[in-house]
């Protein structure tokens, strides 16, 4: 998804697409997960945990489900930090409403499913050396407690 962030992060737009995003940190490091060849976009790029939000689903419950499915980390091993609604537009003009959450993980152990084929925990100065999804940094700017210092 090629996106640019809109100015409004206070409420959802009439979005064409609604997704959840879970940004995880552990002991000052950011968790990044490399998208596998089996997903539809951004293959080989590092990202947080994301997923489409089903109609009527609670965003917090759904992001916790995505984290459990993709990483094997249960909600009992996560401390919720900040949350934000980030409205973005892709290069086709589609609106994406991202329900973003920061979690401090009590573990760095992950059990990846098919959606990701790599995992790492990095400090801020290591982030630039990895090919990340282009909108990850924009998303993280909206989650003030998602610092990795």
N, C-alpha and C. Protein backbone atom coordinates (compact mmCIF):
# COMPACT_ATOMS: atom_id res chain seq x y z
N UNK A 1 0.86 -1.17 0.00
CA UNK A 1 0.00 0.00 0.00
C UNK A 1 0.90 1.23 0.00
N UNK A 2 0.89 2.00 -1.05
CA UNK A 2 1.64 3.25 -1.12
C UNK A 2 0.72 4.33 -0.58
N UNK A 3 1.14 4.99 0.49
CA UNK A 3 0.24 5.93 1.15
C UNK A 3 0.94 7.22 1.49
N UNK A 4 0.15 8.22 1.70
CA UNK A 4 0.62 9.44 2.33
C UNK A 4 -0.37 9.76 3.43
N UNK A 5 0.11 10.32 4.49
CA UNK A 5 -0.75 10.57 5.64
C UNK A 5 -1.56 11.84 5.43
N UNK A 6 -2.81 11.81 5.84
CA UNK A 6 -3.61 13.03 5.78
C UNK A 6 -3.39 13.82 7.05
N UNK A 7 -3.89 15.04 7.06
CA UNK A 7 -3.71 15.89 8.23
C UNK A 7 -4.60 15.48 9.39
N UNK A 8 -5.70 14.82 9.12
CA UNK A 8 -6.67 14.50 10.17
C UNK A 8 -6.36 13.14 10.78
N UNK A 9 -6.04 13.13 12.08
CA UNK A 9 -5.81 11.88 12.77
C UNK A 9 -6.74 11.73 13.97
N UNK A 10 -7.79 12.52 14.00
CA UNK A 10 -8.66 12.53 15.18
C UNK A 10 -9.86 11.60 15.07
N UNK A 11 -10.32 11.33 13.88
CA UNK A 11 -11.52 10.51 13.72
C UNK A 11 -11.49 9.81 12.38
N UNK A 12 -12.16 8.67 12.28
CA UNK A 12 -12.14 7.97 11.00
C UNK A 12 -12.87 8.73 9.91
N UNK A 13 -12.32 8.67 8.72
CA UNK A 13 -13.01 9.21 7.56
C UNK A 13 -14.01 8.17 7.08
N UNK A 14 -14.78 8.54 6.09
CA UNK A 14 -15.62 7.54 5.43
C UNK A 14 -14.68 6.72 4.56
N UNK A 15 -14.02 5.76 5.19
CA UNK A 15 -12.90 5.06 4.57
C UNK A 15 -13.36 4.02 3.57
N UNK A 16 -12.57 3.90 2.51
CA UNK A 16 -12.77 2.81 1.58
C UNK A 16 -12.27 1.52 2.20
N UNK A 17 -11.24 1.62 3.02
CA UNK A 17 -10.64 0.46 3.67
C UNK A 17 -10.36 0.79 5.13
N UNK A 18 -10.66 -0.14 6.01
CA UNK A 18 -10.31 0.01 7.43
C UNK A 18 -9.37 -1.11 7.80
N UNK A 19 -8.27 -0.74 8.44
CA UNK A 19 -7.28 -1.71 8.87
C UNK A 19 -6.87 -1.42 10.30
N UNK A 20 -6.26 -2.42 10.93
CA UNK A 20 -5.64 -2.24 12.23
C UNK A 20 -4.13 -2.38 12.06
N UNK A 21 -3.39 -1.73 12.94
CA UNK A 21 -1.93 -1.82 12.94
C UNK A 21 -1.46 -1.92 14.38
N UNK A 22 -0.61 -2.89 14.65
CA UNK A 22 -0.03 -3.07 15.97
C UNK A 22 1.47 -2.84 15.92
N UNK A 23 1.93 -1.78 16.59
CA UNK A 23 3.36 -1.49 16.69
C UNK A 23 3.83 -2.04 18.03
N UNK A 24 4.80 -2.94 18.00
CA UNK A 24 5.30 -3.56 19.22
C UNK A 24 6.71 -3.09 19.54
N UNK A 25 6.96 -2.86 20.82
CA UNK A 25 8.30 -2.60 21.30
C UNK A 25 8.61 -3.59 22.41
N UNK A 26 9.90 -3.81 22.62
CA UNK A 26 10.36 -4.70 23.70
C UNK A 26 11.71 -4.18 24.18
N UNK A 27 11.74 -3.72 25.43
CA UNK A 27 12.98 -3.24 26.05
C UNK A 27 13.73 -2.24 25.17
N UNK A 28 12.98 -1.26 24.68
CA UNK A 28 13.60 -0.19 23.91
C UNK A 28 13.83 -0.48 22.44
N UNK A 29 13.38 -1.63 21.96
CA UNK A 29 13.56 -1.98 20.56
C UNK A 29 12.19 -2.15 19.88
N UNK A 30 12.16 -1.83 18.61
CA UNK A 30 10.96 -1.92 17.80
C UNK A 30 10.90 -3.29 17.12
N UNK A 31 9.75 -3.95 17.19
CA UNK A 31 9.56 -5.22 16.49
C UNK A 31 9.18 -4.98 15.05
N UNK A 32 9.94 -5.58 14.15
CA UNK A 32 9.64 -5.49 12.72
C UNK A 32 9.52 -6.90 12.16
N UNK A 33 8.63 -7.04 11.18
CA UNK A 33 8.30 -8.35 10.65
C UNK A 33 8.29 -8.25 9.13
N UNK A 34 9.06 -9.15 8.48
CA UNK A 34 9.21 -9.10 7.02
C UNK A 34 8.06 -9.83 6.35
N UNK A 35 7.38 -9.11 5.45
CA UNK A 35 6.21 -9.64 4.75
C UNK A 35 6.64 -10.72 3.77
N UNK A 36 5.98 -11.86 3.84
CA UNK A 36 6.35 -13.01 3.02
C UNK A 36 5.84 -12.89 1.59
N UNK A 37 6.30 -13.80 0.75
CA UNK A 37 5.87 -13.83 -0.66
C UNK A 37 4.41 -14.27 -0.79
N UNK A 38 3.80 -14.70 0.30
CA UNK A 38 2.41 -15.17 0.25
C UNK A 38 1.38 -14.07 0.50
N UNK A 39 1.83 -12.85 0.83
CA UNK A 39 0.90 -11.74 1.04
C UNK A 39 0.77 -10.93 -0.25
N UNK A 40 -0.24 -10.09 -0.30
CA UNK A 40 -0.55 -9.39 -1.55
C UNK A 40 0.23 -8.12 -1.79
N UNK A 41 0.89 -7.56 -0.80
CA UNK A 41 1.59 -6.31 -1.01
C UNK A 41 2.81 -6.16 -0.12
N UNK A 42 3.73 -5.32 -0.57
CA UNK A 42 4.94 -4.99 0.19
C UNK A 42 5.77 -6.22 0.55
N UNK A 43 5.82 -7.18 -0.35
CA UNK A 43 6.59 -8.41 -0.12
C UNK A 43 8.05 -8.08 0.14
N UNK A 44 8.62 -8.71 1.16
CA UNK A 44 10.03 -8.53 1.49
C UNK A 44 10.33 -7.29 2.30
N UNK A 45 9.32 -6.48 2.59
CA UNK A 45 9.54 -5.27 3.37
C UNK A 45 9.18 -5.51 4.83
N UNK A 46 9.83 -4.76 5.69
CA UNK A 46 9.63 -4.88 7.14
C UNK A 46 8.51 -3.95 7.57
N UNK A 47 7.69 -4.43 8.51
CA UNK A 47 6.51 -3.66 8.90
C UNK A 47 6.07 -4.07 10.30
N UNK A 48 5.09 -3.36 10.82
CA UNK A 48 4.42 -3.76 12.05
C UNK A 48 3.35 -4.79 11.68
N UNK A 49 2.53 -5.17 12.62
CA UNK A 49 1.47 -6.13 12.35
C UNK A 49 0.23 -5.38 11.88
N UNK A 50 -0.33 -5.80 10.74
CA UNK A 50 -1.51 -5.14 10.20
C UNK A 50 -2.53 -6.18 9.74
N UNK A 51 -3.75 -5.71 9.57
CA UNK A 51 -4.79 -6.58 9.04
C UNK A 51 -6.04 -5.78 8.73
N UNK A 52 -6.81 -6.27 7.78
CA UNK A 52 -8.08 -5.62 7.47
C UNK A 52 -9.03 -5.76 8.65
N UNK A 53 -9.80 -4.72 8.92
CA UNK A 53 -10.77 -4.73 10.01
C UNK A 53 -12.13 -5.16 9.47
N UNK A 54 -12.63 -6.31 9.90
CA UNK A 54 -13.96 -6.75 9.44
C UNK A 54 -15.04 -5.77 9.89
N UNK A 55 -16.08 -5.64 9.10
CA UNK A 55 -17.19 -4.74 9.44
C UNK A 55 -17.75 -5.10 10.81
N UNK A 56 -17.91 -4.10 11.65
CA UNK A 56 -18.49 -4.29 12.97
C UNK A 56 -17.53 -4.79 14.04
N UNK A 57 -16.29 -5.12 13.65
CA UNK A 57 -15.33 -5.64 14.63
C UNK A 57 -14.74 -4.51 15.47
N UNK A 58 -14.41 -4.81 16.70
CA UNK A 58 -13.74 -3.86 17.59
C UNK A 58 -12.26 -3.79 17.20
N UNK A 59 -11.74 -2.60 16.89
CA UNK A 59 -10.35 -2.49 16.44
C UNK A 59 -9.33 -3.04 17.44
N UNK A 60 -9.48 -2.75 18.72
CA UNK A 60 -8.52 -3.25 19.71
C UNK A 60 -8.54 -4.77 19.77
N UNK A 61 -9.71 -5.35 19.85
CA UNK A 61 -9.79 -6.82 19.89
C UNK A 61 -9.23 -7.43 18.62
N UNK A 62 -9.46 -6.76 17.49
CA UNK A 62 -8.99 -7.34 16.23
C UNK A 62 -7.46 -7.24 16.10
N UNK A 63 -6.86 -6.14 16.53
CA UNK A 63 -5.40 -6.06 16.44
C UNK A 63 -4.75 -7.09 17.37
N UNK A 64 -5.37 -7.34 18.52
CA UNK A 64 -4.84 -8.38 19.42
C UNK A 64 -4.94 -9.75 18.77
N UNK A 65 -6.02 -10.00 18.04
CA UNK A 65 -6.17 -11.25 17.30
C UNK A 65 -5.10 -11.37 16.21
N UNK A 66 -4.86 -10.30 15.48
CA UNK A 66 -3.84 -10.30 14.43
C UNK A 66 -2.45 -10.59 15.02
N UNK A 67 -2.13 -9.98 16.16
CA UNK A 67 -0.83 -10.21 16.80
C UNK A 67 -0.71 -11.67 17.24
N UNK A 68 -1.78 -12.22 17.81
CA UNK A 68 -1.77 -13.63 18.22
C UNK A 68 -1.57 -14.54 17.00
N UNK A 69 -2.32 -14.28 15.93
CA UNK A 69 -2.23 -15.12 14.73
C UNK A 69 -0.88 -15.02 14.03
N UNK A 70 -0.35 -13.79 13.89
CA UNK A 70 0.86 -13.59 13.11
C UNK A 70 2.14 -13.84 13.89
N UNK A 71 2.10 -13.61 15.22
CA UNK A 71 3.32 -13.72 16.03
C UNK A 71 3.24 -14.74 17.15
N UNK A 72 2.05 -15.20 17.47
CA UNK A 72 1.91 -16.12 18.59
C UNK A 72 2.07 -15.45 19.94
N UNK A 73 1.95 -14.12 19.98
CA UNK A 73 2.04 -13.38 21.25
C UNK A 73 0.63 -13.11 21.74
N UNK A 74 0.31 -13.58 22.94
CA UNK A 74 -1.03 -13.41 23.49
C UNK A 74 -1.19 -12.04 24.13
N UNK A 75 -2.43 -11.63 24.28
CA UNK A 75 -2.74 -10.34 24.90
C UNK A 75 -2.17 -10.23 26.31
N UNK A 76 -2.05 -11.35 27.01
CA UNK A 76 -1.52 -11.32 28.38
C UNK A 76 -0.04 -10.95 28.41
N UNK A 77 0.64 -10.99 27.27
CA UNK A 77 2.06 -10.60 27.18
C UNK A 77 2.25 -9.21 26.59
N UNK A 78 1.17 -8.43 26.52
CA UNK A 78 1.22 -7.10 25.93
C UNK A 78 0.67 -6.06 26.88
N UNK A 79 1.36 -4.93 26.96
CA UNK A 79 0.85 -3.76 27.70
C UNK A 79 0.49 -2.71 26.66
N UNK A 80 -0.77 -2.27 26.68
CA UNK A 80 -1.20 -1.29 25.69
C UNK A 80 -0.67 0.09 26.01
N UNK A 81 -0.12 0.73 25.00
CA UNK A 81 0.34 2.11 25.10
C UNK A 81 -0.67 3.02 24.43
N UNK A 82 -0.20 3.83 23.53
CA UNK A 82 -1.06 4.80 22.87
C UNK A 82 -1.86 4.17 21.73
N UNK A 83 -2.86 4.91 21.28
CA UNK A 83 -3.68 4.50 20.15
C UNK A 83 -4.02 5.75 19.34
N UNK A 84 -4.22 5.55 18.06
CA UNK A 84 -4.56 6.68 17.18
C UNK A 84 -5.34 6.15 15.99
N UNK A 85 -6.14 7.02 15.42
CA UNK A 85 -6.78 6.74 14.14
C UNK A 85 -6.06 7.61 13.12
N UNK A 86 -5.47 6.95 12.13
CA UNK A 86 -4.67 7.65 11.13
C UNK A 86 -5.33 7.46 9.77
N UNK A 87 -5.68 8.55 9.15
CA UNK A 87 -6.31 8.51 7.83
C UNK A 87 -5.25 8.74 6.77
N UNK A 88 -5.17 7.83 5.82
CA UNK A 88 -4.18 7.90 4.75
C UNK A 88 -4.87 7.71 3.41
N UNK A 89 -4.18 8.16 2.36
CA UNK A 89 -4.66 7.96 1.00
C UNK A 89 -3.55 7.29 0.19
N UNK A 90 -3.93 6.32 -0.63
CA UNK A 90 -2.93 5.69 -1.48
C UNK A 90 -2.84 6.45 -2.81
N UNK A 91 -1.96 5.99 -3.67
CA UNK A 91 -1.73 6.70 -4.94
C UNK A 91 -2.90 6.60 -5.90
N UNK A 92 -3.90 5.77 -5.58
CA UNK A 92 -5.12 5.68 -6.39
C UNK A 92 -6.22 6.59 -5.83
N UNK A 93 -5.94 7.28 -4.72
CA UNK A 93 -6.93 8.13 -4.09
C UNK A 93 -7.83 7.42 -3.10
N UNK A 94 -7.57 6.12 -2.87
CA UNK A 94 -8.36 5.37 -1.89
C UNK A 94 -8.04 5.84 -0.47
N UNK A 95 -9.07 5.90 0.34
CA UNK A 95 -8.90 6.29 1.74
C UNK A 95 -8.70 5.03 2.59
N UNK A 96 -7.70 5.09 3.46
CA UNK A 96 -7.41 4.00 4.40
C UNK A 96 -7.52 4.57 5.81
N UNK A 97 -8.38 3.98 6.60
CA UNK A 97 -8.52 4.37 8.00
C UNK A 97 -7.75 3.32 8.81
N UNK A 98 -6.65 3.75 9.42
CA UNK A 98 -5.79 2.84 10.17
C UNK A 98 -6.02 3.05 11.66
N UNK A 99 -6.51 2.01 12.33
CA UNK A 99 -6.67 2.03 13.78
C UNK A 99 -5.36 1.50 14.35
N UNK A 100 -4.50 2.40 14.80
CA UNK A 100 -3.14 2.05 15.20
C UNK A 100 -3.02 1.97 16.71
N UNK A 101 -2.25 0.98 17.16
CA UNK A 101 -2.04 0.75 18.59
C UNK A 101 -0.57 0.45 18.84
N UNK A 102 -0.05 0.98 19.96
CA UNK A 102 1.29 0.62 20.41
C UNK A 102 1.16 -0.33 21.59
N UNK A 103 1.99 -1.38 21.58
CA UNK A 103 2.04 -2.33 22.69
C UNK A 103 3.49 -2.54 23.10
N UNK A 104 3.72 -2.62 24.39
CA UNK A 104 5.01 -3.07 24.91
C UNK A 104 4.86 -4.57 25.12
N UNK A 105 5.71 -5.33 24.45
CA UNK A 105 5.65 -6.79 24.54
C UNK A 105 6.54 -7.26 25.69
N UNK A 106 6.03 -8.18 26.46
CA UNK A 106 6.82 -8.75 27.56
C UNK A 106 7.77 -9.84 27.07
N UNK A 107 7.68 -10.18 25.79
CA UNK A 107 8.53 -11.21 25.20
C UNK A 107 9.03 -10.76 23.84
N UNK A 108 10.18 -11.27 23.46
CA UNK A 108 10.65 -11.04 22.09
C UNK A 108 10.53 -12.30 21.25
N UNK A 109 10.09 -13.39 21.87
CA UNK A 109 9.88 -14.65 21.14
C UNK A 109 8.63 -14.56 20.29
N UNK A 110 8.76 -14.95 19.03
CA UNK A 110 7.62 -14.96 18.13
C UNK A 110 7.55 -16.30 17.40
N UNK A 111 6.34 -16.66 17.03
CA UNK A 111 6.09 -17.83 16.19
C UNK A 111 5.35 -17.32 14.96
N UNK A 112 6.10 -17.09 13.88
CA UNK A 112 5.54 -16.47 12.68
C UNK A 112 4.60 -17.40 11.95
N UNK A 113 3.50 -16.83 11.44
CA UNK A 113 2.64 -17.60 10.53
C UNK A 113 3.08 -17.29 9.10
N UNK A 114 2.28 -17.66 8.13
CA UNK A 114 2.61 -17.52 6.72
C UNK A 114 2.75 -16.08 6.22
N UNK A 115 2.21 -15.11 6.97
CA UNK A 115 2.21 -13.73 6.50
C UNK A 115 3.58 -13.05 6.59
N UNK A 116 4.43 -13.56 7.47
CA UNK A 116 5.76 -12.99 7.65
C UNK A 116 6.79 -14.10 7.61
N UNK A 117 7.98 -13.79 7.07
CA UNK A 117 9.03 -14.80 7.02
C UNK A 117 10.29 -14.39 7.76
N UNK A 118 10.21 -13.29 8.51
CA UNK A 118 11.34 -12.84 9.31
C UNK A 118 10.88 -11.92 10.41
N UNK A 119 11.65 -11.87 11.48
CA UNK A 119 11.34 -10.99 12.62
C UNK A 119 12.64 -10.45 13.19
N UNK A 120 12.61 -9.20 13.63
CA UNK A 120 13.77 -8.62 14.31
C UNK A 120 13.29 -7.53 15.27
N UNK A 121 14.11 -7.27 16.24
CA UNK A 121 13.86 -6.20 17.21
C UNK A 121 15.02 -5.23 17.06
N UNK A 122 14.75 -3.99 16.67
CA UNK A 122 15.81 -3.05 16.32
C UNK A 122 15.73 -1.77 17.14
N UNK A 123 16.90 -1.17 17.35
CA UNK A 123 16.97 0.16 17.94
C UNK A 123 16.77 1.20 16.84
N UNK A 124 16.46 2.40 17.24
CA UNK A 124 16.15 3.47 16.29
C UNK A 124 17.23 3.66 15.24
N UNK A 125 18.50 3.61 15.63
CA UNK A 125 19.57 3.85 14.66
C UNK A 125 19.74 2.71 13.65
N UNK A 126 19.08 1.58 13.86
CA UNK A 126 19.15 0.46 12.93
C UNK A 126 17.99 0.47 11.93
N UNK A 127 16.99 1.26 12.19
CA UNK A 127 15.77 1.26 11.37
C UNK A 127 16.04 1.63 9.91
N UNK A 128 16.91 2.59 9.68
CA UNK A 128 17.16 3.05 8.31
C UNK A 128 17.85 2.01 7.44
N UNK A 129 18.48 1.01 8.06
CA UNK A 129 19.19 0.00 7.28
C UNK A 129 18.27 -1.08 6.72
N UNK A 130 17.00 -1.05 7.10
CA UNK A 130 16.05 -2.06 6.66
C UNK A 130 15.04 -1.48 5.67
N UNK A 131 14.67 -2.24 4.64
CA UNK A 131 13.63 -1.77 3.73
C UNK A 131 12.25 -1.93 4.38
N UNK A 132 11.72 -0.83 4.89
CA UNK A 132 10.43 -0.86 5.58
C UNK A 132 9.32 -0.41 4.64
N UNK A 133 8.10 -0.81 4.97
CA UNK A 133 6.93 -0.33 4.27
C UNK A 133 6.94 1.20 4.37
N UNK A 134 6.66 1.87 3.27
CA UNK A 134 6.88 3.32 3.21
C UNK A 134 6.06 4.14 4.20
N UNK A 135 4.98 3.63 4.72
CA UNK A 135 4.17 4.43 5.63
C UNK A 135 4.38 4.07 7.10
N UNK A 136 5.32 3.19 7.41
CA UNK A 136 5.56 2.81 8.81
C UNK A 136 5.97 4.00 9.66
N UNK A 137 6.92 4.80 9.20
CA UNK A 137 7.38 5.93 10.01
C UNK A 137 6.26 6.95 10.22
N UNK A 138 5.42 7.14 9.23
CA UNK A 138 4.29 8.07 9.36
C UNK A 138 3.31 7.58 10.42
N UNK A 139 3.09 6.28 10.42
CA UNK A 139 2.21 5.68 11.41
C UNK A 139 2.78 5.84 12.82
N UNK A 140 4.06 5.57 12.96
CA UNK A 140 4.70 5.64 14.28
C UNK A 140 4.70 7.05 14.84
N UNK A 141 4.75 8.04 13.98
CA UNK A 141 4.70 9.44 14.45
C UNK A 141 3.40 9.75 15.16
N UNK A 142 2.35 9.00 14.86
CA UNK A 142 1.04 9.23 15.48
C UNK A 142 0.86 8.46 16.79
N UNK A 143 1.85 7.64 17.13
CA UNK A 143 1.79 6.84 18.37
C UNK A 143 2.92 7.31 19.29
N UNK A 144 2.67 8.34 20.10
CA UNK A 144 3.75 8.95 20.89
C UNK A 144 4.47 8.00 21.83
N UNK A 145 3.83 6.97 22.32
CA UNK A 145 4.54 6.08 23.24
C UNK A 145 5.29 4.97 22.52
N UNK A 146 5.24 4.96 21.19
CA UNK A 146 5.92 3.92 20.43
C UNK A 146 7.37 4.30 20.18
N UNK A 147 8.03 4.76 21.22
CA UNK A 147 9.44 5.11 21.07
C UNK A 147 10.28 3.89 21.36
N UNK A 148 11.45 3.87 20.82
CA UNK A 148 12.34 2.74 21.04
C UNK A 148 13.66 3.23 21.58
N UNK A 149 13.61 4.18 22.45
CA UNK A 149 14.82 4.68 23.12
C UNK A 149 14.81 4.19 24.54
